[in-house]
Amino acid sequence: MRRVMREMDAEEFGLWGALYRIDPWGEERADLRTGILCTLVASALGGKKGKRYKPDDFMPKFDAPEKPKRSLYDQFKAITIAAGGKVTERGG
């Protein structure tokens, strides 16, 4: 960053900022281009009936919330019921 500040004046920095606003570059832009290509391929191959794909369907989601984890009791209950057993509710 110091080198940029030494070699670039405010006017040039502003021009680069304006260019980025018009035509962004970087990983997000690359992900968008890849998402557009995946949308085209998925649509051409048929995909799911009636599904209209969007580039966002194929882009990575880094801030996706974590799936809530089941409690140990809920896991036990699910396994017991799946095995044909009965479970009485806690506290009663």
PDB file of N, CA and C in Angstrom:
ATOM      1  N   MET A   1       0.820  -1.188   0.000  1.00  0.00           N
ATOM      2  CA  MET A   1       0.000   0.000   0.000  1.00  0.00           C
ATOM      3  C   MET A   1       0.865   1.253   0.000  1.00  0.00           C
ATOM      4  N   ARG A   2       1.998   1.200   0.748  1.00  0.00           N
ATOM      5  CA  ARG A   2       2.885   2.367   0.772  1.00  0.00           C
ATOM      6  C   ARG A   2       3.439   2.685  -0.615  1.00  0.00           C
ATOM      7  N   ARG A   3       3.743   1.619  -1.361  1.00  0.00           N
ATOM      8  CA  ARG A   3       4.272   1.825  -2.702  1.00  0.00           C
ATOM      9  C   ARG A   3       3.229   2.512  -3.581  1.00  0.00           C
ATOM     10  N   VAL A   4       1.978   2.075  -3.469  1.00  0.00           N
ATOM     11  CA  VAL A   4       0.897   2.697  -4.238  1.00  0.00           C
ATOM     12  C   VAL A   4       0.793   4.166  -3.872  1.00  0.00           C
ATOM     13  N   MET A   5       0.842   4.469  -2.589  1.00  0.00           N
ATOM     14  CA  MET A   5       0.733   5.863  -2.147  1.00  0.00           C
ATOM     15  C   MET A   5       1.912   6.704  -2.630  1.00  0.00           C
ATOM     16  N   ARG A   6       3.090   6.072  -2.744  1.00  0.00           N
ATOM     17  CA  ARG A   6       4.279   6.785  -3.231  1.00  0.00           C
ATOM     18  C   ARG A   6       4.198   7.053  -4.733  1.00  0.00           C
ATOM     19  N   GLU A   7       3.651   6.066  -5.478  1.00  0.00           N
ATOM     20  CA  GLU A   7       3.717   6.130  -6.937  1.00  0.00           C
ATOM     21  C   GLU A   7       2.442   6.628  -7.615  1.00  0.00           C
ATOM     22  N   MET A   8       1.347   6.751  -6.886  1.00  0.00           N
ATOM     23  CA  MET A   8       0.079   7.129  -7.512  1.00  0.00           C
ATOM     24  C   MET A   8      -0.488   8.363  -6.805  1.00  0.00           C
ATOM     25  N   ASP A   9      -0.890   9.353  -7.580  1.00  0.00           N
ATOM     26  CA  ASP A   9      -1.496  10.527  -6.967  1.00  0.00           C
ATOM     27  C   ASP A   9      -3.005  10.310  -6.785  1.00  0.00           C
ATOM     28  N   ALA A  10      -3.659  11.225  -6.120  1.00  0.00           N
ATOM     29  CA  ALA A  10      -5.082  11.100  -5.805  1.00  0.00           C
ATOM     30  C   ALA A  10      -5.939  11.033  -7.062  1.00  0.00           C
ATOM     31  N   GLU A  11      -5.556  11.777  -8.093  1.00  0.00           N
ATOM     32  CA  GLU A  11      -6.344  11.778  -9.322  1.00  0.00           C
ATOM     33  C   GLU A  11      -6.335  10.394  -9.977  1.00  0.00           C
ATOM     34  N   GLU A  12      -5.151   9.781 -10.082  1.00  0.00           N
ATOM     35  CA  GLU A  12      -5.064   8.446 -10.685  1.00  0.00           C
ATOM     36  C   GLU A  12      -5.803   7.422  -9.837  1.00  0.00           C
ATOM     37  N   PHE A  13      -5.667   7.547  -8.513  1.00  0.00           N
ATOM     38  CA  PHE A  13      -6.373   6.623  -7.616  1.00  0.00           C
ATOM     39  C   PHE A  13      -7.886   6.733  -7.833  1.00  0.00           C
ATOM     40  N   GLY A  14      -8.382   7.954  -7.983  1.00  0.00           N
ATOM     41  CA  GLY A  14      -9.806   8.168  -8.253  1.00  0.00           C
ATOM     42  C   GLY A  14     -10.240   7.566  -9.571  1.00  0.00           C
ATOM     43  N   LEU A  15      -9.372   7.652 -10.588  1.00  0.00           N
ATOM     44  CA  LEU A  15      -9.696   7.055 -11.889  1.00  0.00           C
ATOM     45  C   LEU A  15      -9.781   5.540 -11.805  1.00  0.00           C
ATOM     46  N   TRP A  16      -8.859   4.924 -11.042  1.00  0.00           N
ATOM     47  CA  TRP A  16      -8.930   3.468 -10.850  1.00  0.00           C
ATOM     48  C   TRP A  16     -10.216   3.074 -10.115  1.00  0.00           C
ATOM     49  N   GLY A  17     -10.600   3.883  -9.135  1.00  0.00           N
ATOM     50  CA  GLY A  17     -11.843   3.605  -8.412  1.00  0.00           C
ATOM     51  C   GLY A  17     -13.057   3.696  -9.322  1.00  0.00           C
ATOM     52  N   ALA A  18     -13.065   4.701 -10.208  1.00  0.00           N
ATOM     53  CA  ALA A  18     -14.173   4.852 -11.159  1.00  0.00           C
ATOM     54  C   ALA A  18     -14.214   3.673 -12.121  1.00  0.00           C
ATOM     55  N   LEU A  19     -13.057   3.237 -12.595  1.00  0.00           N
ATOM     56  CA  LEU A  19     -12.999   2.080 -13.493  1.00  0.00           C
ATOM     57  C   LEU A  19     -13.542   0.838 -12.811  1.00  0.00           C
ATOM     58  N   TYR A  20     -13.188   0.640 -11.537  1.00  0.00           N
ATOM     59  CA  TYR A  20     -13.674  -0.535 -10.805  1.00  0.00           C
ATOM     60  C   TYR A  20     -15.197  -0.502 -10.671  1.00  0.00           C
ATOM     61  N   ARG A  21     -15.760   0.681 -10.448  1.00  0.00           N
ATOM     62  CA  ARG A  21     -17.216   0.781 -10.330  1.00  0.00           C
ATOM     63  C   ARG A  21     -17.897   0.445 -11.652  1.00  0.00           C
ATOM     64  N   ILE A  22     -17.258   0.753 -12.777  1.00  0.00           N
ATOM     65  CA  ILE A  22     -17.829   0.459 -14.091  1.00  0.00           C
ATOM     66  C   ILE A  22     -17.640  -1.011 -14.458  1.00  0.00           C
ATOM     67  N   ASP A  23     -16.445  -1.540 -14.214  1.00  0.00           N
ATOM     68  CA  ASP A  23     -16.113  -2.907 -14.618  1.00  0.00           C
ATOM     69  C   ASP A  23     -15.255  -3.568 -13.549  1.00  0.00           C
ATOM     70  N   PRO A  24     -15.896  -4.106 -12.485  1.00  0.00           N
ATOM     71  CA  PRO A  24     -15.136  -4.683 -11.368  1.00  0.00           C
ATOM     72  C   PRO A  24     -14.278  -5.876 -11.793  1.00  0.00           C
ATOM     73  N   TRP A  25     -13.221  -6.119 -11.049  1.00  0.00           N
ATOM     74  CA  TRP A  25     -12.361  -7.271 -11.275  1.00  0.00           C
ATOM     75  C   TRP A  25     -12.156  -7.961  -9.936  1.00  0.00           C
ATOM     76  N   GLY A  26     -11.566  -9.140  -9.954  1.00  0.00           N
ATOM     77  CA  GLY A  26     -11.279  -9.870  -8.719  1.00  0.00           C
ATOM     78  C   GLY A  26     -12.069 -11.155  -8.610  1.00  0.00           C
ATOM     79  N   GLU A  27     -11.968 -11.812  -7.456  1.00  0.00           N
ATOM     80  CA  GLU A  27     -12.569 -13.128  -7.254  1.00  0.00           C
ATOM     81  C   GLU A  27     -14.094 -13.123  -7.340  1.00  0.00           C
ATOM     82  N   GLU A  28     -14.737 -12.094  -6.782  1.00  0.00           N
ATOM     83  CA  GLU A  28     -16.205 -12.057  -6.853  1.00  0.00           C
ATOM     84  C   GLU A  28     -16.671 -12.016  -8.295  1.00  0.00           C
ATOM     85  N   ARG A  29     -15.986 -11.249  -9.114  1.00  0.00           N
ATOM     86  CA  ARG A  29     -16.348 -11.144 -10.521  1.00  0.00           C
ATOM     87  C   ARG A  29     -16.098 -12.481 -11.224  1.00  0.00           C
ATOM     88  N   ALA A  30     -14.992 -13.147 -10.894  1.00  0.00           N
ATOM     89  CA  ALA A  30     -14.691 -14.455 -11.479  1.00  0.00           C
ATOM     90  C   ALA A  30     -15.758 -15.472 -11.081  1.00  0.00           C
ATOM     91  N   ASP A  31     -16.204 -15.433  -9.813  1.00  0.00           N
ATOM     92  CA  ASP A  31     -17.274 -16.337  -9.370  1.00  0.00           C
ATOM     93  C   ASP A  31     -18.556 -16.078 -10.144  1.00  0.00           C
ATOM     94  N   LEU A  32     -18.869 -14.815 -10.409  1.00  0.00           N
ATOM     95  CA  LEU A  32     -20.061 -14.478 -11.175  1.00  0.00           C
ATOM     96  C   LEU A  32     -19.967 -15.029 -12.596  1.00  0.00           C
ATOM     97  N   ARG A  33     -18.817 -14.844 -13.241  1.00  0.00           N
ATOM     98  CA  ARG A  33     -18.654 -15.370 -14.602  1.00  0.00           C
ATOM     99  C   ARG A  33     -18.821 -16.879 -14.621  1.00  0.00           C
ATOM    100  N   THR A  34     -18.240 -17.570 -13.636  1.00  0.00           N
ATOM    101  CA  THR A  34     -18.376 -19.016 -13.565  1.00  0.00           C
ATOM    102  C   THR A  34     -19.828 -19.410 -13.309  1.00  0.00           C
ATOM    103  N   GLY A  35     -20.520 -18.668 -12.452  1.00  0.00           N
ATOM    104  CA  GLY A  35     -21.934 -18.935 -12.189  1.00  0.00           C
ATOM    105  C   GLY A  35     -22.781 -18.786 -13.434  1.00  0.00           C
ATOM    106  N   ILE A  36     -22.462 -17.796 -14.270  1.00  0.00           N
ATOM    107  CA  ILE A  36     -23.192 -17.597 -15.517  1.00  0.00           C
ATOM    108  C   ILE A  36     -22.980 -18.789 -16.446  1.00  0.00           C
ATOM    109  N   LEU A  37     -21.735 -19.257 -16.550  1.00  0.00           N
ATOM    110  CA  LEU A  37     -21.455 -20.427 -17.394  1.00  0.00           C
ATOM    111  C   LEU A  37     -22.170 -21.673 -16.879  1.00  0.00           C
ATOM    112  N   CYS A  38     -22.149 -21.877 -15.563  1.00  0.00           N
ATOM    113  CA  CYS A  38     -22.827 -23.046 -14.984  1.00  0.00           C
ATOM    114  C   CYS A  38     -24.326 -22.977 -15.225  1.00  0.00           C
ATOM    115  N   THR A  39     -24.899 -21.778 -15.143  1.00  0.00           N
ATOM    116  CA  THR A  39     -26.322 -21.598 -15.417  1.00  0.00           C
ATOM    117  C   THR A  39     -26.643 -22.016 -16.844  1.00  0.00           C
ATOM    118  N   LEU A  40     -25.815 -21.600 -17.772  1.00  0.00           N
ATOM    119  CA  LEU A  40     -26.003 -21.945 -19.176  1.00  0.00           C
ATOM    120  C   LEU A  40     -25.936 -23.455 -19.386  1.00  0.00           C
ATOM    121  N   VAL A  41     -24.920 -24.103 -18.807  1.00  0.00           N
ATOM    122  CA  VAL A  41     -24.748 -25.547 -18.973  1.00  0.00           C
ATOM    123  C   VAL A  41     -25.901 -26.307 -18.331  1.00  0.00           C
ATOM    124  N   ALA A  42     -26.262 -25.944 -17.101  1.00  0.00           N
ATOM    125  CA  ALA A  42     -27.356 -26.642 -16.406  1.00  0.00           C
ATOM    126  C   ALA A  42     -28.669 -26.496 -17.163  1.00  0.00           C
ATOM    127  N   SER A  43     -28.919 -25.310 -17.687  1.00  0.00           N
ATOM    128  CA  SER A  43     -30.154 -25.090 -18.445  1.00  0.00           C
ATOM    129  C   SER A  43     -30.135 -25.880 -19.744  1.00  0.00           C
ATOM    130  N   ALA A  44     -28.992 -25.943 -20.411  1.00  0.00           N
ATOM    131  CA  ALA A  44     -28.883 -26.674 -21.672  1.00  0.00           C
ATOM    132  C   ALA A  44     -29.044 -28.174 -21.469  1.00  0.00           C
ATOM    133  N   LEU A  45     -28.603 -28.675 -20.320  1.00  0.00           N
ATOM    134  CA  LEU A  45     -28.702 -30.108 -20.044  1.00  0.00           C
ATOM    135  C   LEU A  45     -30.051 -30.507 -19.461  1.00  0.00           C
ATOM    136  N   GLY A  46     -30.916 -29.569 -19.266  1.00  0.00           N
ATOM    137  CA  GLY A  46     -32.250 -29.887 -18.773  1.00  0.00           C
ATOM    138  C   GLY A  46     -32.442 -29.582 -17.307  1.00  0.00           C
ATOM    139  N   GLY A  47     -31.500 -29.972 -16.479  1.00  0.00           N
ATOM    140  CA  GLY A  47     -31.627 -29.707 -15.049  1.00  0.00           C
ATOM    141  C   GLY A  47     -32.921 -30.258 -14.469  1.00  0.00           C
ATOM    142  N   LYS A  48     -33.388 -29.667 -13.393  1.00  0.00           N
ATOM    143  CA  LYS A  48     -34.645 -30.077 -12.764  1.00  0.00           C
ATOM    144  C   LYS A  48     -35.806 -29.477 -13.537  1.00  0.00           C
ATOM    145  N   LYS A  49     -36.865 -30.245 -13.683  1.00  0.00           N
ATOM    146  CA  LYS A  49     -38.040 -29.763 -14.429  1.00  0.00           C
ATOM    147  C   LYS A  49     -38.592 -28.497 -13.803  1.00  0.00           C
ATOM    148  N   GLY A  50     -38.782 -27.488 -14.634  1.00  0.00           N
ATOM    149  CA  GLY A  50     -39.376 -26.244 -14.177  1.00  0.00           C
ATOM    150  C   GLY A  50     -38.448 -25.330 -13.396  1.00  0.00           C
ATOM    151  N   LYS A  51     -37.235 -25.787 -13.105  1.00  0.00           N
ATOM    152  CA  LYS A  51     -36.291 -24.969 -12.336  1.00  0.00           C
ATOM    153  C   LYS A  51     -35.616 -23.979 -13.266  1.00  0.00           C
ATOM    154  N   ARG A  52     -35.659 -22.715 -12.906  1.00  0.00           N
ATOM    155  CA  ARG A  52     -34.941 -21.683 -13.655  1.00  0.00           C
ATOM    156  C   ARG A  52     -33.707 -21.340 -12.841  1.00  0.00           C
ATOM    157  N   TYR A  53     -32.563 -21.672 -13.368  1.00  0.00           N
ATOM    158  CA  TYR A  53     -31.311 -21.434 -12.669  1.00  0.00           C
ATOM    159  C   TYR A  53     -30.884 -19.975 -12.755  1.00  0.00           C
ATOM    160  N   LYS A  54     -30.157 -19.553 -11.717  1.00  0.00           N
ATOM    161  CA  LYS A  54     -29.561 -18.212 -11.676  1.00  0.00           C
ATOM    162  C   LYS A  54     -28.083 -18.390 -11.366  1.00  0.00           C
ATOM    163  N   PRO A  55     -27.236 -17.462 -11.790  1.00  0.00           N
ATOM    164  CA  PRO A  55     -25.807 -17.577 -11.487  1.00  0.00           C
ATOM    165  C   PRO A  55     -25.544 -17.762  -9.985  1.00  0.00           C
ATOM    166  N   ASP A  56     -26.363 -17.138  -9.144  1.00  0.00           N
ATOM    167  CA  ASP A  56     -26.194 -17.231  -7.692  1.00  0.00           C
ATOM    168  C   ASP A  56     -26.344 -18.666  -7.192  1.00  0.00           C
ATOM    169  N   ASP A  57     -27.093 -19.509  -7.918  1.00  0.00           N
ATOM    170  CA  ASP A  57     -27.262 -20.909  -7.525  1.00  0.00           C
ATOM    171  C   ASP A  57     -25.934 -21.663  -7.541  1.00  0.00           C
ATOM    172  N   PHE A  58     -24.971 -21.176  -8.316  1.00  0.00           N
ATOM    173  CA  PHE A  58     -23.705 -21.878  -8.488  1.00  0.00           C
ATOM    174  C   PHE A  58     -22.519 -21.135  -7.882  1.00  0.00           C
ATOM    175  N   MET A  59     -22.784 -20.047  -7.195  1.00  0.00           N
ATOM    176  CA  MET A  59     -21.701 -19.264  -6.609  1.00  0.00           C
ATOM    177  C   MET A  59     -21.480 -19.679  -5.155  1.00  0.00           C
ATOM    178  N   PRO A  60     -20.219 -19.665  -4.691  1.00  0.00           N
ATOM    179  CA  PRO A  60     -19.953 -20.052  -3.301  1.00  0.00           C
ATOM    180  C   PRO A  60     -20.601 -19.075  -2.325  1.00  0.00           C
ATOM    181  N   LYS A  61     -21.063 -19.614  -1.216  1.00  0.00           N
ATOM    182  CA  LYS A  61     -21.689 -18.793  -0.172  1.00  0.00           C
ATOM    183  C   LYS A  61     -20.853 -18.943   1.088  1.00  0.00           C
ATOM    184  N   PHE A  62     -19.977 -17.985   1.297  1.00  0.00           N
ATOM    185  CA  PHE A  62     -19.039 -18.072   2.413  1.00  0.00           C
ATOM    186  C   PHE A  62     -19.663 -17.665   3.740  1.00  0.00           C
ATOM    187  N   ASP A  63     -20.732 -16.892   3.704  1.00  0.00           N
ATOM    188  CA  ASP A  63     -21.350 -16.413   4.932  1.00  0.00           C
ATOM    189  C   ASP A  63     -22.630 -17.165   5.266  1.00  0.00           C
ATOM    190  N   ALA A  64     -22.811 -18.353   4.690  1.00  0.00           N
ATOM    191  CA  ALA A  64     -24.018 -19.128   4.944  1.00  0.00           C
ATOM    192  C   ALA A  64     -24.056 -19.535   6.421  1.00  0.00           C
ATOM    193  N   PRO A  65     -25.204 -19.381   7.069  1.00  0.00           N
ATOM    194  CA  PRO A  65     -25.284 -19.757   8.485  1.00  0.00           C
ATOM    195  C   PRO A  65     -25.138 -21.264   8.654  1.00  0.00           C
ATOM    196  N   GLU A  66     -24.555 -21.639   9.785  1.00  0.00           N
ATOM    197  CA  GLU A  66     -24.395 -23.061  10.071  1.00  0.00           C
ATOM    198  C   GLU A  66     -25.738 -23.693  10.375  1.00  0.00           C
ATOM    199  N   LYS A  67     -25.877 -24.937   9.968  1.00  0.00           N
ATOM    200  CA  LYS A  67     -27.086 -25.694  10.262  1.00  0.00           C
ATOM    201  C   LYS A  67     -27.094 -25.996  11.762  1.00  0.00           C
ATOM    202  N   PRO A  68     -28.226 -25.771  12.440  1.00  0.00           N
ATOM    203  CA  PRO A  68     -28.250 -26.065  13.874  1.00  0.00           C
ATOM    204  C   PRO A  68     -28.039 -27.556  14.127  1.00  0.00           C
ATOM    205  N   LYS A  69     -27.267 -27.858  15.149  1.00  0.00           N
ATOM    206  CA  LYS A  69     -26.976 -29.253  15.465  1.00  0.00           C
ATOM    207  C   LYS A  69     -28.057 -29.807  16.387  1.00  0.00           C
ATOM    208  N   ARG A  70     -28.360 -31.084  16.199  1.00  0.00           N
ATOM    209  CA  ARG A  70     -29.338 -31.742  17.071  1.00  0.00           C
ATOM    210  C   ARG A  70     -28.692 -32.022  18.430  1.00  0.00           C
ATOM    211  N   SER A  71     -29.509 -31.945  19.448  1.00  0.00           N
ATOM    212  CA  SER A  71     -28.999 -32.282  20.781  1.00  0.00           C
ATOM    213  C   SER A  71     -28.787 -33.792  20.848  1.00  0.00           C
ATOM    214  N   LEU A  72     -28.014 -34.218  21.812  1.00  0.00           N
ATOM    215  CA  LEU A  72     -27.764 -35.645  21.996  1.00  0.00           C
ATOM    216  C   LEU A  72     -29.077 -36.387  22.242  1.00  0.00           C
ATOM    217  N   TYR A  73     -29.987 -35.767  23.001  1.00  0.00           N
ATOM    218  CA  TYR A  73     -31.281 -36.399  23.271  1.00  0.00           C
ATOM    219  C   TYR A  73     -32.087 -36.559  21.990  1.00  0.00           C
ATOM    220  N   ASP A  74     -32.100 -35.523  21.135  1.00  0.00           N
ATOM    221  CA  ASP A  74     -32.847 -35.617  19.877  1.00  0.00           C
ATOM    222  C   ASP A  74     -32.267 -36.696  18.965  1.00  0.00           C
ATOM    223  N   GLN A  75     -30.938 -36.840  18.976  1.00  0.00           N
ATOM    224  CA  GLN A  75     -30.315 -37.899  18.187  1.00  0.00           C
ATOM    225  C   GLN A  75     -30.729 -39.271  18.710  1.00  0.00           C
ATOM    226  N   PHE A  76     -30.690 -39.442  20.034  1.00  0.00           N
ATOM    227  CA  PHE A  76     -31.103 -40.701  20.662  1.00  0.00           C
ATOM    228  C   PHE A  76     -32.556 -41.028  20.317  1.00  0.00           C
ATOM    229  N   LYS A  77     -33.418 -40.010  20.410  1.00  0.00           N
ATOM    230  CA  LYS A  77     -34.834 -40.192  20.124  1.00  0.00           C
ATOM    231  C   LYS A  77     -35.044 -40.647  18.673  1.00  0.00           C
ATOM    232  N   ALA A  78     -34.367 -40.000  17.734  1.00  0.00           N
ATOM    233  CA  ALA A  78     -34.519 -40.347  16.322  1.00  0.00           C
ATOM    234  C   ALA A  78     -34.058 -41.775  16.047  1.00  0.00           C
ATOM    235  N   ILE A  79     -32.945 -42.181  16.638  1.00  0.00           N
ATOM    236  CA  ILE A  79     -32.430 -43.540  16.435  1.00  0.00           C
ATOM    237  C   ILE A  79     -33.369 -44.564  17.059  1.00  0.00           C
ATOM    238  N   THR A  80     -33.858 -44.264  18.245  1.00  0.00           N
ATOM    239  CA  THR A  80     -34.762 -45.186  18.933  1.00  0.00           C
ATOM    240  C   THR A  80     -36.050 -45.384  18.133  1.00  0.00           C
ATOM    241  N   ILE A  81     -36.624 -44.302  17.645  1.00  0.00           N
ATOM    242  CA  ILE A  81     -37.864 -44.394  16.853  1.00  0.00           C
ATOM    243  C   ILE A  81     -37.604 -45.130  15.549  1.00  0.00           C
ATOM    244  N   ALA A  82     -36.473 -44.852  14.900  1.00  0.00           N
ATOM    245  CA  ALA A  82     -36.141 -45.532  13.643  1.00  0.00           C
ATOM    246  C   ALA A  82     -35.981 -47.028  13.854  1.00  0.00           C
ATOM    247  N   ALA A  83     -35.524 -47.419  15.044  1.00  0.00           N
ATOM    248  CA  ALA A  83     -35.344 -48.840  15.349  1.00  0.00           C
ATOM    249  C   ALA A  83     -36.637 -49.484  15.838  1.00  0.00           C
ATOM    250  N   GLY A  84     -37.732 -48.724  15.871  1.00  0.00           N
ATOM    251  CA  GLY A  84     -39.021 -49.279  16.272  1.00  0.00           C
ATOM    252  C   GLY A  84     -39.316 -49.156  17.751  1.00  0.00           C
ATOM    253  N   GLY A  85     -38.496 -48.439  18.475  1.00  0.00           N
ATOM    254  CA  GLY A  85     -38.711 -48.282  19.910  1.00  0.00           C
ATOM    255  C   GLY A  85     -39.613 -47.114  20.234  1.00  0.00           C
ATOM    256  N   LYS A  86     -39.963 -47.001  21.509  1.00  0.00           N
ATOM    257  CA  LYS A  86     -40.784 -45.886  21.988  1.00  0.00           C
ATOM    258  C   LYS A  86     -39.941 -44.959  22.852  1.00  0.00           C
ATOM    259  N   VAL A  87     -40.252 -43.700  22.800  1.00  0.00           N
ATOM    260  CA  VAL A  87     -39.531 -42.732  23.604  1.00  0.00           C
ATOM    261  C   VAL A  87     -40.540 -41.930  24.401  1.00  0.00           C
ATOM    262  N   THR A  88     -40.323 -41.861  25.714  1.00  0.00           N
ATOM    263  CA  THR A  88     -41.181 -40.999  26.524  1.00  0.00           C
ATOM    264  C   THR A  88     -40.495 -39.649  26.605  1.00  0.00           C
ATOM    265  N   GLU A  89     -41.288 -38.612  26.620  1.00  0.00           N
ATOM    266  CA  GLU A  89     -40.740 -37.260  26.657  1.00  0.00           C
ATOM    267  C   GLU A  89     -40.060 -36.997  27.982  1.00  0.00           C
ATOM    268  N   ARG A  90     -39.065 -36.139  27.943  1.00  0.00           N
ATOM    269  CA  ARG A  90     -38.324 -35.787  29.159  1.00  0.00           C
ATOM    270  C   ARG A  90     -39.236 -35.051  30.128  1.00  0.00           C
ATOM    271  N   GLY A  91     -38.938 -35.239  31.383  1.00  0.00           N
ATOM    272  CA  GLY A  91     -39.629 -34.502  32.430  1.00  0.00           C
ATOM    273  C   GLY A  91     -40.989 -35.085  32.789  1.00  0.00           C
ATOM    274  N   GLY A  92     -41.331 -36.232  32.206  1.00  0.00           N
ATOM    275  CA  GLY A  92     -42.655 -36.735  32.530  1.00  0.00           C
ATOM    276  C   GLY A  92     -42.750 -38.188  32.663  1.00  0.00           C
TER     277      GLY A  92
END
